[in-house]
Amino acid sequence: MDYAQFCPVGKLETLLVSTDLSEYSEGAIREAISFASKCSSRIYAFMALETNPEYETIGASVFEKEEQEAIAHLESIKTRAAKEGVTCETIFRQSKETSQAIVDEATEKKVDMIVIGRRGRKGLAKALLGEVAAKVIAHAPCKVLVVPKAARIEYRNILVAVDGSVHSNAAATEAIAISKRCGSHLIALSAMRDETEREEAMNLSSKAVEMAEKEGVSAEAVTPLGRSFNAIVETAGGRGVDLIVMGTYGKTGVKKLLMGSATEKVIGSAGCAVLVVKAV
């Protein structure tokens, strides 16, 4: 069966892929074009060049070179997209902060998903590192897909992390929908810190499995012992998962599984792509 035969998500009219000229953006670019091709979506290829006080002392030539490189890179993405029959518009911006520029552009264009790489380079074209990714995820108006350089989404095994929060419920709904469209096997994971949490963890993961099975999706519940982000990453790596779906902690944070930097740590450690979903 072709696991990626259909559009994986229900509504994906437009998406924004943010690049930073580094090799670490390659996975994001590749998967963004793949999504757009399957879903007949429009792509905005975006890059923000952060302004730097040093330009005042070293002159404008360095910045102009960086700008030319950025524009050429964006045009190369447009060319790649066109070869796949995908419409792509390039957007170059100067900005004081990369993450805010990404969020502002996504908001203005009303995109359905932002796609970013997991790491990037340092320098004038600021890196898409943990801090940037975390800020984008926290403030984005839509779902965010974070793709490591070598990761490929084949929709065979999808893992969704559940903790009973409104954000993880949204993640479960999204993961089930993707699994149904793509014929994926779904792993519903609820980690427990100790045996006293076993019953709650079983209830949460079993509920997600029941929801999946009602939609005709093959699913199983797992309740590993340990810190949530470790359990998620280890399970994903050991089970051949190619997409993890999680809820965002949002602007103010949520309890349990997604507290603090758990989502960010999963993104930074997982070998596969991570789709972060925000409850409406």
Protein backbone atom coordinates (compact mmCIF):
# COMPACT_ATOMS: atom_id res chain seq x y z
CA MET A 1 0.00 0.00 0.00
CA ASP A 2 1.17 3.54 -0.74
CA TYR A 3 1.15 5.07 2.72
CA ALA A 4 1.41 8.60 1.36
CA GLN A 5 -1.18 8.20 -1.39
CA PHE A 6 -3.57 10.84 -0.04
CA CYS A 7 -3.23 14.28 1.46
CA PRO A 8 -2.22 13.49 5.05
CA VAL A 9 -4.14 16.39 6.59
CA GLY A 10 -7.66 17.55 5.98
CA LYS A 11 -7.01 21.22 5.23
CA LEU A 12 -3.70 22.32 3.82
CA GLU A 13 -4.36 25.02 1.26
CA THR A 14 -1.22 26.97 2.09
CA LEU A 15 1.95 26.25 4.01
CA LEU A 16 5.02 28.24 4.88
CA VAL A 17 8.46 26.65 4.84
CA SER A 18 11.13 28.65 6.62
CA THR A 19 14.73 28.18 5.57
CA ASP A 20 18.02 29.59 6.81
CA LEU A 21 20.43 28.63 4.01
CA SER A 22 21.81 25.72 6.04
CA GLU A 23 21.80 22.02 5.24
CA TYR A 24 19.49 21.54 8.21
CA SER A 25 16.64 23.15 6.29
CA GLU A 26 16.76 20.45 3.62
CA GLY A 27 14.35 18.09 5.40
CA ALA A 28 11.83 20.88 5.89
CA ILE A 29 12.03 21.94 2.24
CA ARG A 30 11.69 18.38 0.97
CA GLU A 31 8.72 17.52 3.17
CA ALA A 32 6.99 20.85 2.52
CA ILE A 33 7.11 20.22 -1.22
CA SER A 34 5.93 16.65 -0.64
CA PHE A 35 2.96 17.84 1.42
CA ALA A 36 2.10 20.50 -1.14
CA SER A 37 2.28 18.01 -4.00
CA LYS A 38 -0.06 15.55 -2.27
CA CYS A 39 -2.46 18.20 -1.02
CA SER A 40 -2.47 20.60 -4.00
CA SER A 41 -1.21 23.28 -1.62
CA ARG A 42 0.51 26.57 -2.24
CA ILE A 43 3.93 27.09 -0.64
CA TYR A 44 5.43 30.26 0.75
CA ALA A 45 9.21 29.81 0.88
CA PHE A 46 10.31 32.23 3.57
CA MET A 47 13.59 33.53 4.89
CA ALA A 48 14.30 36.25 7.42
CA LEU A 49 17.67 37.93 7.61
CA GLU A 50 18.22 39.40 11.03
CA THR A 51 19.52 42.93 11.21
CA ASN A 52 22.72 43.32 13.14
CA PRO A 53 24.41 46.41 14.63
CA GLU A 54 27.69 45.11 13.25
CA TYR A 55 26.57 46.08 9.75
CA GLU A 56 27.08 49.72 10.73
CA THR A 57 30.77 49.06 11.30
CA ILE A 58 31.59 46.45 8.67
CA GLY A 59 29.60 48.10 5.92
CA ALA A 60 26.62 47.10 3.81
CA SER A 61 28.52 44.78 1.47
CA VAL A 62 28.33 41.79 3.80
CA PHE A 63 24.60 42.21 4.27
CA GLU A 64 24.07 42.63 0.54
CA LYS A 65 25.93 39.40 -0.12
CA GLU A 66 23.83 37.57 2.42
CA GLU A 67 20.68 39.01 0.89
CA GLN A 68 21.69 37.90 -2.59
CA GLU A 69 22.44 34.40 -1.32
CA ALA A 70 19.09 34.26 0.45
CA ILE A 71 17.12 35.34 -2.59
CA ALA A 72 18.98 32.85 -4.82
CA HIS A 73 18.28 30.08 -2.30
CA LEU A 74 14.58 30.93 -2.20
CA GLU A 75 14.44 30.89 -5.99
CA SER A 76 16.02 27.42 -5.99
CA ILE A 77 13.22 26.21 -3.72
CA LYS A 78 10.67 27.74 -6.10
CA THR A 79 12.30 25.85 -8.98
CA ARG A 80 12.23 22.56 -7.05
CA ALA A 81 8.57 23.07 -6.21
CA ALA A 82 7.68 23.85 -9.83
CA LYS A 83 9.20 20.55 -10.94
CA GLU A 84 6.68 18.83 -8.66
CA GLY A 85 3.81 20.90 -9.99
CA VAL A 86 3.66 23.02 -6.84
CA THR A 87 3.06 26.76 -6.84
CA CYS A 88 5.63 28.52 -4.69
CA GLU A 89 5.98 32.18 -3.75
CA THR A 90 9.25 33.41 -2.26
CA ILE A 91 9.34 35.87 0.62
CA PHE A 92 12.46 37.59 1.94
CA ARG A 93 12.33 39.81 5.01
CA GLN A 94 14.69 41.77 7.20
CA SER A 95 13.83 41.31 10.83
CA LYS A 96 15.06 41.89 14.37
CA GLU A 97 13.90 38.42 15.41
CA THR A 98 13.54 35.38 13.15
CA SER A 99 10.84 33.60 15.14
CA GLN A 100 8.57 36.64 15.23
CA ALA A 101 9.07 37.20 11.51
CA ILE A 102 8.00 33.62 10.79
CA VAL A 103 4.92 33.91 12.99
CA ASP A 104 3.95 37.31 11.56
CA GLU A 105 4.21 36.06 8.00
CA ALA A 106 2.23 32.92 8.76
CA THR A 107 -0.46 35.00 10.42
CA GLU A 108 -0.66 37.50 7.57
CA LYS A 109 -0.82 34.77 4.93
CA LYS A 110 -3.23 32.65 7.02
CA VAL A 111 -1.23 29.52 6.38
CA ASP A 112 -2.42 26.11 7.58
CA MET A 113 1.01 24.81 8.57
CA ILE A 114 4.54 26.08 9.17
CA VAL A 115 7.41 23.76 8.27
CA ILE A 116 10.85 24.38 9.78
CA GLY A 117 14.13 22.54 10.11
CA ARG A 118 15.37 21.39 13.47
CA ARG A 119 18.75 23.05 13.45
CA GLY A 120 20.44 25.73 11.45
CA ARG A 121 23.57 27.69 11.11
CA LYS A 122 24.85 30.63 13.05
CA GLY A 123 25.71 33.90 11.44
CA LEU A 124 23.76 36.57 9.64
CA ALA A 125 21.02 34.15 8.61
CA LYS A 126 20.04 33.17 12.13
CA ALA A 127 19.74 29.53 13.02
CA LEU A 128 16.48 27.66 13.36
CA LEU A 129 17.65 26.21 16.64
CA GLY A 130 15.66 25.16 19.68
CA GLU A 131 14.96 28.68 20.87
CA VAL A 132 13.61 29.83 17.52
CA ALA A 133 11.59 26.65 16.99
CA ALA A 134 10.15 26.88 20.50
CA LYS A 135 9.06 30.49 20.01
CA VAL A 136 7.51 29.70 16.63
CA ILE A 137 5.60 26.77 18.12
CA ALA A 138 4.41 28.76 21.11
CA HIS A 139 3.09 31.69 19.10
CA ALA A 140 2.20 30.23 15.71
CA PRO A 141 -1.43 30.59 14.60
CA CYS A 142 -1.36 27.09 13.10
CA LYS A 143 0.24 23.66 13.41
CA VAL A 144 4.02 23.43 13.07
CA LEU A 145 6.00 20.60 11.49
CA VAL A 146 9.64 20.32 12.58
CA VAL A 147 11.75 18.14 10.30
CA PRO A 148 15.31 16.92 10.97
CA LYS A 149 17.60 17.02 7.94
CA ALA A 150 17.42 13.30 7.11
CA ALA A 151 13.87 12.59 8.24
CA ARG A 152 11.32 11.31 5.74
CA ILE A 153 7.65 10.95 6.58
CA GLU A 154 6.28 7.71 5.14
CA TYR A 155 3.19 7.46 7.38
CA ARG A 156 3.81 3.86 8.41
CA ASN A 157 3.92 4.31 12.17
CA ILE A 158 2.68 7.46 13.89
CA LEU A 159 3.12 8.15 17.61
CA VAL A 160 0.86 10.52 19.50
CA ALA A 161 1.67 11.66 23.03
CA VAL A 162 -1.37 12.03 25.27
CA ASP A 163 -1.72 13.49 28.75
CA GLY A 164 -5.37 14.47 28.99
CA SER A 165 -4.77 18.18 28.33
CA VAL A 166 -6.73 20.06 25.72
CA HIS A 167 -3.60 20.33 23.59
CA SER A 168 -2.88 16.60 23.60
CA ASN A 169 -6.53 15.89 22.82
CA ALA A 170 -6.14 18.04 19.72
CA ALA A 171 -2.96 16.12 18.89
CA ALA A 172 -4.79 12.80 19.22
CA THR A 173 -7.56 13.95 16.90
CA GLU A 174 -4.98 15.10 14.34
CA ALA A 175 -2.93 11.90 14.59
CA ILE A 176 -6.00 9.71 14.15
CA ALA A 177 -7.11 11.70 11.12
CA ILE A 178 -3.67 11.40 9.50
CA SER A 179 -3.51 7.67 10.29
CA LYS A 180 -6.93 7.10 8.76
CA ARG A 181 -6.07 8.89 5.53
CA CYS A 182 -2.68 7.25 5.14
CA GLY A 183 -3.35 3.76 6.50
CA SER A 184 -0.85 4.26 9.31
CA HIS A 185 -0.47 2.29 12.53
CA LEU A 186 -0.98 4.57 15.53
CA ILE A 187 0.88 4.30 18.83
CA ALA A 188 -0.82 6.20 21.66
CA LEU A 189 1.73 6.90 24.39
CA SER A 190 1.19 8.11 27.92
CA ALA A 191 4.32 8.05 30.05
CA MET A 192 4.27 7.37 33.79
CA ARG A 193 6.86 8.56 36.25
CA ASP A 194 6.18 5.68 38.62
CA GLU A 195 3.74 2.82 39.18
CA THR A 196 1.25 5.07 40.97
CA GLU A 197 0.49 6.67 37.61
CA ARG A 198 -0.04 3.41 35.72
CA GLU A 199 -3.84 3.45 35.88
CA GLU A 200 -4.10 7.05 34.71
CA ALA A 201 -1.60 6.45 31.92
CA MET A 202 -3.48 3.34 30.77
CA ASN A 203 -6.78 5.20 30.79
CA LEU A 204 -5.39 8.06 28.72
CA SER A 205 -3.67 5.91 26.10
CA SER A 206 -6.58 3.46 25.92
CA LYS A 207 -9.02 6.31 25.32
CA ALA A 208 -6.95 7.44 22.33
CA VAL A 209 -6.88 3.87 21.00
CA GLU A 210 -10.65 3.60 21.31
CA MET A 211 -11.05 6.84 19.37
CA ALA A 212 -8.72 5.50 16.67
CA GLU A 213 -10.41 2.13 16.38
CA LYS A 214 -13.80 3.80 15.95
CA GLU A 215 -12.28 5.42 12.85
CA GLY A 216 -10.97 2.08 11.60
CA VAL A 217 -7.36 2.91 12.50
CA SER A 218 -4.95 0.23 13.70
CA ALA A 219 -3.77 1.41 17.12
CA GLU A 220 -2.11 0.32 20.35
CA ALA A 221 -1.58 1.85 23.78
CA VAL A 222 1.83 2.07 25.41
CA THR A 223 2.66 3.35 28.90
CA PRO A 224 6.44 3.42 29.30
CA LEU A 225 8.04 4.27 32.60
CA GLY A 226 10.22 7.36 32.71
CA ARG A 227 10.33 11.04 31.86
CA SER A 228 7.89 11.87 29.10
CA PHE A 229 10.31 13.21 26.50
CA ASN A 230 12.70 10.28 26.97
CA ALA A 231 9.85 7.80 26.68
CA ILE A 232 8.56 9.44 23.51
CA VAL A 233 11.95 9.60 21.79
CA GLU A 234 12.97 6.07 22.78
CA THR A 235 9.65 4.55 21.75
CA ALA A 236 9.68 6.39 18.43
CA GLY A 237 13.21 5.23 17.69
CA GLY A 238 12.56 1.64 18.67
CA ARG A 239 9.27 1.28 16.80
CA GLY A 240 10.19 2.81 13.45
CA VAL A 241 7.98 5.86 13.96
CA ASP A 242 8.33 8.44 11.19
CA LEU A 243 6.00 11.08 12.64
CA ILE A 244 5.39 12.14 16.24
CA VAL A 245 2.31 14.24 16.94
CA MET A 246 2.23 16.35 20.10
CA GLY A 247 0.29 19.23 21.54
CA THR A 248 1.97 22.58 22.08
CA TYR A 249 2.31 23.97 25.56
CA GLY A 250 1.12 27.29 24.13
CA LYS A 251 1.97 30.69 25.55
CA THR A 252 1.24 29.96 29.19
CA GLY A 253 2.13 26.28 29.49
CA VAL A 254 0.07 23.23 30.39
CA LYS A 255 0.43 20.56 33.03
CA LYS A 256 1.99 17.11 33.07
CA LEU A 257 3.42 15.73 29.84
CA LEU A 258 3.85 19.01 28.04
CA MET A 259 5.05 21.03 31.00
CA GLY A 260 8.12 23.18 30.49
CA SER A 261 10.37 22.07 27.67
CA ALA A 262 9.14 18.51 27.07
CA THR A 263 7.90 19.24 23.56
CA GLU A 264 11.06 21.16 22.75
CA LYS A 265 13.23 18.30 24.06
CA VAL A 266 11.39 15.79 21.90
CA ILE A 267 11.89 18.00 18.87
CA GLY A 268 15.58 18.36 19.65
CA SER A 269 16.20 14.63 20.18
CA ALA A 270 13.85 12.68 17.93
CA GLY A 271 15.19 11.29 14.68
CA CYS A 272 11.84 11.74 12.93
CA ALA A 273 9.59 14.68 12.15
CA VAL A 274 7.41 16.16 14.90
CA LEU A 275 4.03 17.75 14.20
CA VAL A 276 2.98 20.14 16.96
CA VAL A 277 -0.74 20.83 17.17
CA LYS A 278 -2.39 23.69 19.03
CA ALA A 279 -5.91 23.38 20.42
CA VAL A 280 -8.31 25.85 18.86
